[in-house]
Amino acid sequence: MIVGQANHGVVLASGASKNALYGNWIGLTDRETTIGNGSFGVYIVDSSENTVQLSAAAAGAGREQNIFGANANGPVGVYGSSTANVINIAPPPTKTFVVTSAAGSKDVPGSLTWAIYQVNYQGADLNYINFNIPRGTGEVEITLTETLYIARPTIINGTTQPGYAGNHSFGSTAAN
């Protein structure tokens, strides 16, 4: 684990060449605990022919991908006269869950609560919750029956609801 550095997590500088970074956790201690570095996870400057493995798909020959957390400036920065470096980057695995019911219970497949439970227990590195609730002639209101916590990176996109026209109102009512 390479975490919590004031600047970069790893620096390859001033002619460093033919280095390979595989199987490191840079900026996090596990899939849920982020302790980012102050700048880039890996910073390459004036160096050539280095390899930084970021994607599971590109990882081969028994080499594991690096796992990056929330480093302040991103996973990798390449600057100066750096040439022929191999940076295998792939987007994180994603999953999309679709809300099709205005019910507030996790026991109703397609409800918002159900979708959040799916994210927490079966989600990917990045999740999307989209909406496709039959709305008839009126607005859709979802009344939640419990407090919800989201444990994985998730984008809840209400603009995917059919009929969305840029108008919305949000509110909450706390139950005692």
C-alpha atoms as a PDB file:
ATOM      1  CA  MET A   1       0.000   0.000   0.000  1.00  0.00           C
ATOM      2  CA  ILE A   2       1.233   3.439  -0.950  1.00  0.00           C
ATOM      3  CA  VAL A   3      -0.974   5.911   0.923  1.00  0.00           C
ATOM      4  CA  GLY A   4      -1.035   9.288   2.594  1.00  0.00           C
ATOM      5  CA  GLN A   5       2.072  10.807   1.013  1.00  0.00           C
ATOM      6  CA  ALA A   6       2.141  14.616   1.081  1.00  0.00           C
ATOM      7  CA  ASN A   7       2.995  14.718  -2.644  1.00  0.00           C
ATOM      8  CA  HIS A   8       3.069  11.803  -5.141  1.00  0.00           C
ATOM      9  CA  GLY A   9       2.727   8.164  -4.122  1.00  0.00           C
ATOM     10  CA  VAL A  10       5.466   6.901  -6.484  1.00  0.00           C
ATOM     11  CA  VAL A  11       7.934   9.041  -8.467  1.00  0.00           C
ATOM     12  CA  LEU A  12       9.858   7.852 -11.527  1.00  0.00           C
ATOM     13  CA  ALA A  13      12.182  10.745 -12.392  1.00  0.00           C
ATOM     14  CA  SER A  14      15.417  11.878 -14.034  1.00  0.00           C
ATOM     15  CA  GLY A  15      15.999   9.055 -16.460  1.00  0.00           C
ATOM     16  CA  ALA A  16      14.348   6.215 -14.557  1.00  0.00           C
ATOM     17  CA  SER A  17      13.652   3.534 -17.152  1.00  0.00           C
ATOM     18  CA  LYS A  18      12.319   0.014 -17.570  1.00  0.00           C
ATOM     19  CA  ASN A  19      10.483   0.035 -14.241  1.00  0.00           C
ATOM     20  CA  ALA A  20       7.214  -1.865 -13.907  1.00  0.00           C
ATOM     21  CA  LEU A  21       4.506  -1.175 -11.349  1.00  0.00           C
ATOM     22  CA  TYR A  22       2.068  -4.042 -10.788  1.00  0.00           C
ATOM     23  CA  GLY A  23      -0.178  -5.141  -7.937  1.00  0.00           C
ATOM     24  CA  ASN A  24       0.023  -2.015  -5.750  1.00  0.00           C
ATOM     25  CA  TRP A  25      -2.735  -0.314  -3.795  1.00  0.00           C
ATOM     26  CA  ILE A  26      -2.029   3.383  -4.334  1.00  0.00           C
ATOM     27  CA  GLY A  27      -4.186   5.829  -2.423  1.00  0.00           C
ATOM     28  CA  LEU A  28      -6.351   3.296  -0.598  1.00  0.00           C
ATOM     29  CA  THR A  29      -5.953   0.540   1.960  1.00  0.00           C
ATOM     30  CA  ASP A  30      -8.803  -1.653   0.745  1.00  0.00           C
ATOM     31  CA  ARG A  31     -11.704  -1.232  -1.682  1.00  0.00           C
ATOM     32  CA  GLU A  32     -13.556   1.009   0.772  1.00  0.00           C
ATOM     33  CA  THR A  33     -10.888   2.952   2.712  1.00  0.00           C
ATOM     34  CA  THR A  34      -9.282   5.796   0.793  1.00  0.00           C
ATOM     35  CA  ILE A  35      -6.141   7.507   2.072  1.00  0.00           C
ATOM     36  CA  GLY A  36      -5.123   9.442  -1.016  1.00  0.00           C
ATOM     37  CA  ASN A  37      -1.738  10.863  -1.845  1.00  0.00           C
ATOM     38  CA  GLY A  38      -1.338  14.654  -2.095  1.00  0.00           C
ATOM     39  CA  SER A  39      -0.811  14.728  -5.865  1.00  0.00           C
ATOM     40  CA  PHE A  40      -0.586  11.873  -8.397  1.00  0.00           C
ATOM     41  CA  GLY A  41      -0.582   8.216  -7.413  1.00  0.00           C
ATOM     42  CA  VAL A  42       2.319   7.721  -9.848  1.00  0.00           C
ATOM     43  CA  TYR A  43       4.312  10.654 -11.245  1.00  0.00           C
ATOM     44  CA  ILE A  44       6.608  10.076 -14.231  1.00  0.00           C
ATOM     45  CA  VAL A  45       8.909  12.932 -15.295  1.00  0.00           C
ATOM     46  CA  ASP A  46      11.810  12.853 -17.750  1.00  0.00           C
ATOM     47  CA  SER A  47      11.751   9.045 -17.758  1.00  0.00           C
ATOM     48  CA  SER A  48      11.118   6.421 -20.423  1.00  0.00           C
ATOM     49  CA  GLU A  49      10.054   2.824 -21.010  1.00  0.00           C
ATOM     50  CA  ASN A  50       8.226   2.384 -17.706  1.00  0.00           C
ATOM     51  CA  THR A  51       5.027   0.361 -17.334  1.00  0.00           C
ATOM     52  CA  VAL A  52       2.141   1.197 -15.012  1.00  0.00           C
ATOM     53  CA  GLN A  53      -0.600  -1.436 -15.036  1.00  0.00           C
ATOM     54  CA  LEU A  54      -4.035   0.030 -14.349  1.00  0.00           C
ATOM     55  CA  SER A  55      -6.469  -2.279 -16.077  1.00  0.00           C
ATOM     56  CA  ALA A  56      -7.373  -5.834 -15.149  1.00  0.00           C
ATOM     57  CA  ALA A  57      -8.018  -6.537 -18.850  1.00  0.00           C
ATOM     58  CA  ALA A  58      -4.467  -5.566 -19.782  1.00  0.00           C
ATOM     59  CA  ALA A  59      -2.894  -7.418 -16.866  1.00  0.00           C
ATOM     60  CA  GLY A  60      -1.304 -10.553 -18.201  1.00  0.00           C
ATOM     61  CA  ALA A  61       1.467 -13.010 -17.546  1.00  0.00           C
ATOM     62  CA  GLY A  62       0.566 -13.177 -13.852  1.00  0.00           C
ATOM     63  CA  ARG A  63       0.891  -9.442 -13.315  1.00  0.00           C
ATOM     64  CA  GLU A  64      -1.788  -7.851 -11.190  1.00  0.00           C
ATOM     65  CA  GLN A  65      -3.272  -4.451 -11.869  1.00  0.00           C
ATOM     66  CA  ASN A  66      -2.577  -1.510  -9.593  1.00  0.00           C
ATOM     67  CA  ILE A  67      -5.618  -0.361  -7.636  1.00  0.00           C
ATOM     68  CA  PHE A  68      -5.881   3.429  -7.312  1.00  0.00           C
ATOM     69  CA  GLY A  69      -7.825   5.439  -4.753  1.00  0.00           C
ATOM     70  CA  ALA A  70      -8.586   9.138  -4.642  1.00  0.00           C
ATOM     71  CA  ASN A  71      -5.154  10.623  -5.267  1.00  0.00           C
ATOM     72  CA  ALA A  72      -5.547  14.411  -5.429  1.00  0.00           C
ATOM     73  CA  ASN A  73      -4.501  14.866  -9.094  1.00  0.00           C
ATOM     74  CA  GLY A  74      -5.431  11.449 -10.448  1.00  0.00           C
ATOM     75  CA  PRO A  75      -3.831   8.034 -10.846  1.00  0.00           C
ATOM     76  CA  VAL A  76      -0.880   8.862 -13.155  1.00  0.00           C
ATOM     77  CA  GLY A  77       0.849  12.036 -14.356  1.00  0.00           C
ATOM     78  CA  VAL A  78       3.443  11.998 -17.158  1.00  0.00           C
ATOM     79  CA  TYR A  79       5.527  15.127 -17.730  1.00  0.00           C
ATOM     80  CA  GLY A  80       8.742  16.429 -19.273  1.00  0.00           C
ATOM     81  CA  SER A  81      10.677  14.440 -21.854  1.00  0.00           C
ATOM     82  CA  SER A  82       9.092  11.121 -20.895  1.00  0.00           C
ATOM     83  CA  THR A  83       8.750   8.741 -23.856  1.00  0.00           C
ATOM     84  CA  ALA A  84       7.677   5.162 -24.554  1.00  0.00           C
ATOM     85  CA  ASN A  85       5.990   4.686 -21.196  1.00  0.00           C
ATOM     86  CA  VAL A  86       3.149   2.157 -21.176  1.00  0.00           C
ATOM     87  CA  ILE A  87       0.160   3.232 -19.121  1.00  0.00           C
ATOM     88  CA  ASN A  88      -2.609   0.640 -19.411  1.00  0.00           C
ATOM     89  CA  ILE A  89      -5.746   2.444 -18.335  1.00  0.00           C
ATOM     90  CA  ALA A  90      -9.254   1.076 -18.452  1.00  0.00           C
ATOM     91  CA  PRO A  91     -12.381   2.570 -16.927  1.00  0.00           C
ATOM     92  CA  PRO A  92     -13.555   0.992 -13.683  1.00  0.00           C
ATOM     93  CA  PRO A  93     -16.105  -1.800 -13.919  1.00  0.00           C
ATOM     94  CA  THR A  94     -19.625  -0.373 -13.772  1.00  0.00           C
ATOM     95  CA  LYS A  95     -23.125  -1.627 -13.088  1.00  0.00           C
ATOM     96  CA  THR A  96     -26.433   0.072 -13.748  1.00  0.00           C
ATOM     97  CA  PHE A  97     -29.554  -0.514 -11.683  1.00  0.00           C
ATOM     98  CA  VAL A  98     -32.913   0.806 -12.889  1.00  0.00           C
ATOM     99  CA  VAL A  99     -35.669   2.023 -10.577  1.00  0.00           C
ATOM    100  CA  THR A 100     -39.032   0.940 -12.004  1.00  0.00           C
ATOM    101  CA  SER A 101     -41.197   1.251  -8.883  1.00  0.00           C
ATOM    102  CA  ALA A 102     -42.060   4.149  -6.579  1.00  0.00           C
ATOM    103  CA  ALA A 103     -42.292   1.741  -3.640  1.00  0.00           C
ATOM    104  CA  GLY A 104     -40.017   2.570  -0.721  1.00  0.00           C
ATOM    105  CA  SER A 105     -39.169  -0.962   0.404  1.00  0.00           C
ATOM    106  CA  LYS A 106     -36.038  -3.006  -0.330  1.00  0.00           C
ATOM    107  CA  ASP A 107     -38.336  -6.006  -0.709  1.00  0.00           C
ATOM    108  CA  VAL A 108     -39.845  -4.589  -3.907  1.00  0.00           C
ATOM    109  CA  PRO A 109     -37.583  -5.319  -6.901  1.00  0.00           C
ATOM    110  CA  GLY A 110     -37.088  -2.141  -8.911  1.00  0.00           C
ATOM    111  CA  SER A 111     -37.606   0.259  -5.981  1.00  0.00           C
ATOM    112  CA  LEU A 112     -34.999   2.896  -5.138  1.00  0.00           C
ATOM    113  CA  THR A 113     -34.296   1.172  -1.811  1.00  0.00           C
ATOM    114  CA  TRP A 114     -33.863  -2.161  -3.622  1.00  0.00           C
ATOM    115  CA  ALA A 115     -31.445  -0.524  -6.101  1.00  0.00           C
ATOM    116  CA  ILE A 116     -29.327   0.920  -3.276  1.00  0.00           C
ATOM    117  CA  TYR A 117     -29.200  -2.485  -1.573  1.00  0.00           C
ATOM    118  CA  GLN A 118     -28.083  -3.980  -4.893  1.00  0.00           C
ATOM    119  CA  VAL A 119     -25.309  -1.375  -5.150  1.00  0.00           C
ATOM    120  CA  ASN A 120     -24.129  -2.101  -1.615  1.00  0.00           C
ATOM    121  CA  TYR A 121     -24.096  -5.883  -1.940  1.00  0.00           C
ATOM    122  CA  GLN A 122     -23.582  -6.587  -5.660  1.00  0.00           C
ATOM    123  CA  GLY A 123     -22.268  -3.298  -7.030  1.00  0.00           C
ATOM    124  CA  ALA A 124     -19.154  -2.583  -9.049  1.00  0.00           C
ATOM    125  CA  ASP A 125     -16.365  -0.017  -8.676  1.00  0.00           C
ATOM    126  CA  LEU A 126     -18.753   2.589 -10.112  1.00  0.00           C
ATOM    127  CA  ASN A 127     -22.547   2.261 -10.124  1.00  0.00           C
ATOM    128  CA  TYR A 128     -25.412   4.090 -11.773  1.00  0.00           C
ATOM    129  CA  ILE A 129     -29.004   4.221 -10.579  1.00  0.00           C
ATOM    130  CA  ASN A 130     -31.313   5.290 -13.384  1.00  0.00           C
ATOM    131  CA  PHE A 131     -35.074   5.709 -13.387  1.00  0.00           C
ATOM    132  CA  ASN A 132     -37.907   4.334 -15.534  1.00  0.00           C
ATOM    133  CA  ILE A 133     -40.969   4.510 -13.282  1.00  0.00           C
ATOM    134  CA  PRO A 134     -44.369   4.417 -15.025  1.00  0.00           C
ATOM    135  CA  ARG A 135     -45.765   7.820 -14.152  1.00  0.00           C
ATOM    136  CA  GLY A 136     -49.239   7.990 -15.616  1.00  0.00           C
ATOM    137  CA  THR A 137     -50.330  11.611 -15.694  1.00  0.00           C
ATOM    138  CA  GLY A 138     -48.678  12.954 -12.535  1.00  0.00           C
ATOM    139  CA  GLU A 139     -45.347  13.306 -10.879  1.00  0.00           C
ATOM    140  CA  VAL A 140     -43.643  10.354  -9.239  1.00  0.00           C
ATOM    141  CA  GLU A 141     -43.087  10.456  -5.496  1.00  0.00           C
ATOM    142  CA  ILE A 142     -40.938   7.923  -3.665  1.00  0.00           C
ATOM    143  CA  THR A 143     -41.572   7.591   0.059  1.00  0.00           C
ATOM    144  CA  LEU A 144     -38.724   5.806   1.784  1.00  0.00           C
ATOM    145  CA  THR A 145     -39.416   3.401   4.639  1.00  0.00           C
ATOM    146  CA  GLU A 146     -35.896   3.428   6.092  1.00  0.00           C
ATOM    147  CA  THR A 147     -32.681   5.450   6.180  1.00  0.00           C
ATOM    148  CA  LEU A 148     -30.461   4.538   3.234  1.00  0.00           C
ATOM    149  CA  TYR A 149     -26.671   4.401   3.132  1.00  0.00           C
ATOM    150  CA  ILE A 150     -24.661   4.019  -0.059  1.00  0.00           C
ATOM    151  CA  ALA A 151     -21.389   2.154   0.453  1.00  0.00           C
ATOM    152  CA  ARG A 152     -19.966   2.260  -3.090  1.00  0.00           C
ATOM    153  CA  PRO A 153     -19.355   5.069  -5.601  1.00  0.00           C
ATOM    154  CA  THR A 154     -22.769   5.680  -7.158  1.00  0.00           C
ATOM    155  CA  ILE A 155     -24.377   8.208  -9.486  1.00  0.00           C
ATOM    156  CA  ILE A 156     -28.123   8.527  -8.951  1.00  0.00           C
ATOM    157  CA  ASN A 157     -29.432  10.114 -12.133  1.00  0.00           C
ATOM    158  CA  GLY A 158     -33.016  11.326 -11.860  1.00  0.00           C
ATOM    159  CA  THR A 159     -32.797  12.915 -15.318  1.00  0.00           C
ATOM    160  CA  THR A 160     -33.123   9.432 -16.855  1.00  0.00           C
ATOM    161  CA  GLN A 161     -36.787   9.284 -15.774  1.00  0.00           C
ATOM    162  CA  PRO A 162     -39.001   9.407 -18.900  1.00  0.00           C
ATOM    163  CA  GLY A 163     -40.733  12.758 -19.087  1.00  0.00           C
ATOM    164  CA  TYR A 164     -38.002  14.596 -17.201  1.00  0.00           C
ATOM    165  CA  ALA A 165     -38.032  18.149 -18.535  1.00  0.00           C
ATOM    166  CA  GLY A 166     -35.590  19.923 -16.284  1.00  0.00           C
ATOM    167  CA  ASN A 167     -38.159  20.554 -13.572  1.00  0.00           C
ATOM    168  CA  HIS A 168     -37.783  18.813 -10.271  1.00  0.00           C
ATOM    169  CA  SER A 169     -38.503  19.164  -6.622  1.00  0.00           C
ATOM    170  CA  PHE A 170     -36.741  17.344  -3.867  1.00  0.00           C
ATOM    171  CA  GLY A 171     -37.828  17.042  -0.288  1.00  0.00           C
ATOM    172  CA  SER A 172     -37.575  14.763   2.645  1.00  0.00           C
ATOM    173  CA  THR A 173     -39.708  14.021   5.621  1.00  0.00           C
ATOM    174  CA  ALA A 174     -37.954  12.584   8.642  1.00  0.00           C
ATOM    175  CA  ALA A 175     -39.898  10.015  10.621  1.00  0.00           C
ATOM    176  CA  ASN A 176     -39.446  10.011  14.391  1.00  0.00           C
END
